[in-house]
């Protein structure tokens, strides 16, 4: 249930709500005031985010879940910090530095790609994987409930925060993503390539996240002896 809660909350409060609901405000903070340019940039961001989501989905079984989540959350924190720094410098009224404003837009685009690569393919998949088969229906109901509660914050709190703090509000999500990265590293269970029985054994371990990082290899020697070797993962 902890892994499910982390996915629901972090998946909704990683800063994606700023992109989804308040993209024009972020563009204004970055110094882009033209409505036509904002429309074009918004469309471009949607295309790039879709590319990130498709790429993440296609690589899900290659790179797993745990490493993607804790590294992805850290990268999101770095990108949002860069958006805030660039917006503070080049988003001032009367700024004529087009290069600086474009750099801010590029960081926003990169944030959308990384978020879509990290969270979009896993939000429903991972929540189902970490629940026992007899609990998956209830678990997915809880997933929807928690996600909607977190989405409520995206819808209403972000407008107030952006209105009062402007680009400084981004640092709320910078801190959140840094904390999320640590939590994913400590508690995220790797589910890639494991059967339900193996996952049950992992979750019954004293430290499930560490147990899930171990790779078990079974080797059959020439004398018929079966040898089990455990490798520490990441």
Protein backbone atom coordinates (compact mmCIF):
# COMPACT_ATOMS: atom_id res chain seq x y z
CA UNK A 1 0.00 0.00 0.00
CA UNK A 2 2.93 2.35 0.65
CA UNK A 3 4.22 1.91 -2.91
CA UNK A 4 0.72 2.54 -4.28
CA UNK A 5 0.35 5.71 -2.20
CA UNK A 6 3.76 6.99 -3.30
CA UNK A 7 2.82 6.49 -6.94
CA UNK A 8 -0.56 8.21 -6.56
CA UNK A 9 0.77 11.23 -4.68
CA UNK A 10 4.11 11.71 -6.42
CA UNK A 11 2.60 11.06 -9.82
CA UNK A 12 0.14 13.91 -9.31
CA UNK A 13 2.30 16.37 -7.35
CA UNK A 14 5.57 16.17 -9.27
CA UNK A 15 4.83 19.53 -10.88
CA UNK A 16 2.88 18.15 -13.81
CA UNK A 17 -0.17 20.08 -12.63
CA UNK A 18 1.67 23.30 -13.39
CA UNK A 19 2.25 22.12 -16.94
CA UNK A 20 -1.25 20.73 -17.45
CA UNK A 21 -3.37 23.50 -15.96
CA UNK A 22 -1.16 26.59 -15.90
CA UNK A 23 1.06 26.39 -18.97
CA UNK A 24 0.19 29.96 -20.12
CA UNK A 25 1.15 31.30 -16.69
CA UNK A 26 4.48 29.46 -16.84
CA UNK A 27 5.12 30.93 -20.28
CA UNK A 28 4.35 34.42 -18.97
CA UNK A 29 6.73 33.84 -16.06
CA UNK A 30 9.36 32.86 -18.62
CA UNK A 31 8.81 36.08 -20.56
CA UNK A 32 6.57 34.80 -23.39
CA UNK A 33 3.50 37.05 -23.53
CA UNK A 34 2.31 36.46 -27.11
CA UNK A 35 -0.89 34.38 -27.12
CA UNK A 36 0.02 32.91 -30.51
CA UNK A 37 3.45 31.79 -29.31
CA UNK A 38 1.93 30.31 -26.16
CA UNK A 39 -0.51 28.29 -28.29
CA UNK A 40 2.29 26.96 -30.51
CA UNK A 41 4.49 26.11 -27.51
CA UNK A 42 1.58 24.38 -25.78
CA UNK A 43 1.00 22.21 -28.85
CA UNK A 44 4.71 21.42 -29.11
CA UNK A 45 4.80 20.44 -25.44
CA UNK A 46 1.90 18.02 -25.96
CA UNK A 47 3.73 16.33 -28.85
CA UNK A 48 6.99 16.07 -26.91
CA UNK A 49 5.23 14.73 -23.81
CA UNK A 50 3.50 12.09 -25.92
CA UNK A 51 6.90 11.08 -27.29
CA UNK A 52 8.21 10.76 -23.73
CA UNK A 53 5.24 8.62 -22.71
CA UNK A 54 5.59 6.29 -25.70
CA UNK A 55 9.32 5.95 -25.09
CA UNK A 56 8.79 5.19 -21.42
CA UNK A 57 6.12 2.60 -22.18
CA UNK A 58 8.31 0.83 -24.74
CA UNK A 59 11.24 0.63 -22.29
CA UNK A 60 9.25 -0.36 -19.20
CA UNK A 61 10.41 -3.98 -19.21
CA UNK A 62 14.00 -3.07 -20.02
CA UNK A 63 14.83 -0.51 -17.36
CA UNK A 64 12.33 -1.53 -14.71
CA UNK A 65 10.51 0.68 -12.25
CA UNK A 66 12.64 1.51 -9.21
CA UNK A 67 15.64 3.07 -10.93
CA UNK A 68 13.44 5.01 -13.33
CA UNK A 69 11.37 6.47 -10.48
CA UNK A 70 14.11 7.68 -8.13
CA UNK A 71 16.31 9.01 -10.93
CA UNK A 72 13.34 10.53 -12.75
CA UNK A 73 12.10 12.35 -9.64
CA UNK A 74 15.57 13.82 -9.08
CA UNK A 75 15.83 14.99 -12.70
CA UNK A 76 12.39 16.62 -12.43
CA UNK A 77 13.58 18.56 -9.37
CA UNK A 78 16.66 19.77 -11.25
CA UNK A 79 14.65 20.83 -14.31
CA UNK A 80 12.08 22.74 -12.25
CA UNK A 81 14.87 24.50 -10.37
CA UNK A 82 16.35 25.56 -13.71
CA UNK A 83 12.94 26.79 -14.91
CA UNK A 84 12.64 28.87 -11.73
CA UNK A 85 16.15 30.28 -12.04
CA UNK A 86 15.73 31.19 -15.72
CA UNK A 87 12.25 32.64 -15.16
CA UNK A 88 13.52 34.83 -12.32
CA UNK A 89 16.22 36.29 -14.56
CA UNK A 90 14.63 36.42 -18.00
CA UNK A 91 10.94 36.59 -17.17
CA UNK A 92 11.09 40.15 -15.88
CA UNK A 93 8.85 42.71 -17.52
CA UNK A 94 10.66 44.41 -20.35
CA UNK A 95 13.25 41.66 -20.75
CA UNK A 96 14.59 41.51 -24.32
CA UNK A 97 16.87 38.49 -23.95
CA UNK A 98 15.17 36.05 -26.31
CA UNK A 99 17.81 33.37 -25.73
CA UNK A 100 17.14 33.31 -22.00
CA UNK A 101 13.39 33.08 -22.51
CA UNK A 102 13.87 30.25 -25.00
CA UNK A 103 16.06 28.43 -22.49
CA UNK A 104 13.22 28.62 -19.96
CA UNK A 105 10.81 27.18 -22.53
CA UNK A 106 13.27 24.39 -23.34
CA UNK A 107 13.45 23.41 -19.66
CA UNK A 108 9.64 23.31 -19.50
CA UNK A 109 9.60 21.03 -22.55
CA UNK A 110 12.26 18.77 -21.02
CA UNK A 111 10.27 18.59 -17.80
CA UNK A 112 7.21 17.40 -19.74
CA UNK A 113 9.25 14.74 -21.54
CA UNK A 114 10.91 13.43 -18.37
CA UNK A 115 7.65 13.40 -16.42
CA UNK A 116 5.86 11.53 -19.20
CA UNK A 117 8.74 9.06 -19.49
CA UNK A 118 8.91 8.48 -15.73
CA UNK A 119 5.35 8.49 -14.46
CA UNK A 120 2.82 8.24 -17.30
CA UNK A 121 3.43 4.56 -18.22
CA UNK A 122 3.62 3.44 -14.58
CA UNK A 123 0.77 5.19 -12.76
CA UNK A 124 -1.77 2.42 -13.33
CA UNK A 125 0.65 -0.43 -14.09
CA UNK A 126 2.78 -0.15 -10.95
CA UNK A 127 -0.22 0.26 -8.66
CA UNK A 128 -1.62 -3.04 -9.95
CA UNK A 129 1.73 -4.82 -9.72
CA UNK A 130 2.35 -4.04 -6.05
CA UNK A 131 -1.04 -5.37 -4.91
CA UNK A 132 -1.90 -9.00 -4.26
CA UNK A 133 -4.20 -10.51 -6.86
CA UNK A 134 -7.12 -10.67 -4.43
CA UNK A 135 -6.62 -6.99 -3.52
CA UNK A 136 -6.08 -5.44 -6.93
CA UNK A 137 -9.65 -4.28 -7.46
CA UNK A 138 -9.72 -2.52 -4.07
CA UNK A 139 -6.19 -1.27 -4.60
CA UNK A 140 -7.06 0.36 -7.91
CA UNK A 141 -10.10 1.99 -6.29
CA UNK A 142 -7.79 3.45 -3.63
CA UNK A 143 -5.42 4.52 -6.41
CA UNK A 144 -8.20 6.50 -8.10
CA UNK A 145 -9.30 8.06 -4.79
CA UNK A 146 -5.83 9.21 -3.75
CA UNK A 147 -4.98 10.43 -7.25
CA UNK A 148 -8.16 12.51 -7.38
CA UNK A 149 -7.42 14.02 -3.97
CA UNK A 150 -3.93 14.96 -5.13
CA UNK A 151 -5.41 16.28 -8.38
CA UNK A 152 -7.67 18.54 -6.31
CA UNK A 153 -4.52 20.25 -5.02
CA UNK A 154 -3.28 20.68 -8.59
CA UNK A 155 -6.54 22.29 -9.61
CA UNK A 156 -7.07 24.74 -6.75
CA UNK A 157 -3.89 25.26 -4.71
CA UNK A 158 -1.59 25.85 -7.67
CA UNK A 159 -3.60 28.82 -8.90
CA UNK A 160 -3.24 30.52 -5.52
CA UNK A 161 0.45 29.68 -5.23
CA UNK A 162 1.30 30.90 -8.71
CA UNK A 163 -0.76 34.05 -8.22
CA UNK A 164 0.98 35.02 -5.00
CA UNK A 165 4.52 33.67 -5.53
CA UNK A 166 4.97 33.46 -9.30
CA UNK A 167 8.09 31.50 -10.31
CA UNK A 168 9.08 31.09 -6.63
CA UNK A 169 6.21 28.62 -6.30
CA UNK A 170 8.16 26.16 -8.47
CA UNK A 171 10.50 25.51 -5.56
CA UNK A 172 7.66 23.85 -3.66
CA UNK A 173 7.74 21.11 -6.29
CA UNK A 174 11.52 21.10 -6.42
CA UNK A 175 11.54 20.15 -2.74
CA UNK A 176 8.72 17.68 -3.24
CA UNK A 177 10.55 15.87 -6.04
CA UNK A 178 13.77 15.69 -4.04
CA UNK A 179 11.85 14.07 -1.18
CA UNK A 180 10.10 11.78 -3.66
CA UNK A 181 13.46 10.67 -5.06
CA UNK A 182 14.65 9.67 -1.60
CA UNK A 183 11.37 7.88 -0.82
CA UNK A 184 11.47 5.98 -4.11
CA UNK A 185 15.05 4.92 -3.44
CA UNK A 186 14.26 3.71 0.08
CA UNK A 187 10.86 2.11 -0.41
CA UNK A 188 10.19 1.42 -4.10
CA UNK A 189 9.93 -2.31 -4.85
CA UNK A 190 11.20 -3.45 -8.23
CA UNK A 191 8.48 -5.55 -9.87
CA UNK A 192 10.02 -6.14 -13.28
CA UNK A 193 10.19 -9.78 -14.33
CA UNK A 194 8.79 -11.19 -11.08
CA UNK A 195 5.91 -13.59 -10.60
CA UNK A 196 3.18 -13.07 -8.00
CA UNK A 197 4.84 -15.65 -5.76
CA UNK A 198 8.20 -13.91 -6.00
CA UNK A 199 6.63 -10.54 -5.21
CA UNK A 200 4.90 -12.00 -2.16
CA UNK A 201 8.26 -13.22 -0.90
CA UNK A 202 9.78 -9.79 -1.57
CA UNK A 203 7.05 -7.95 0.35
CA UNK A 204 7.43 -10.34 3.29
CA UNK A 205 11.12 -9.46 3.58
CA UNK A 206 12.25 -7.04 6.34
CA UNK A 207 13.23 -4.45 3.71
CA UNK A 208 11.19 -5.12 0.55
CA UNK A 209 12.94 -2.50 -1.58
CA UNK A 210 16.35 -4.04 -0.94
CA UNK A 211 15.03 -7.57 -1.39
CA UNK A 212 13.54 -6.64 -4.75
CA UNK A 213 16.89 -5.30 -5.94
CA UNK A 214 18.51 -8.72 -5.60
CA UNK A 215 18.74 -10.76 -8.76
CA UNK A 216 18.43 -14.49 -8.30
CA UNK A 217 20.17 -16.79 -10.75
CA UNK A 218 19.69 -20.54 -10.78
CA UNK A 219 22.56 -22.57 -12.25
CA UNK A 220 22.53 -26.32 -12.88
CA UNK A 221 25.98 -27.87 -12.50
CA UNK A 222 27.19 -30.91 -14.36
CA UNK A 223 26.70 -33.15 -11.34
CA UNK A 224 23.04 -32.22 -11.14
CA UNK A 225 23.45 -29.82 -8.21
CA UNK A 226 21.33 -26.68 -8.38
CA UNK A 227 23.10 -23.52 -7.23
CA UNK A 228 21.23 -20.32 -6.38
CA UNK A 229 23.20 -17.08 -6.60
CA UNK A 230 21.91 -13.69 -5.44
CA UNK A 231 23.34 -10.52 -6.96
CA UNK A 232 22.79 -7.09 -5.44
CA UNK A 233 20.89 -4.87 -7.85
CA UNK A 234 20.46 -1.11 -7.87
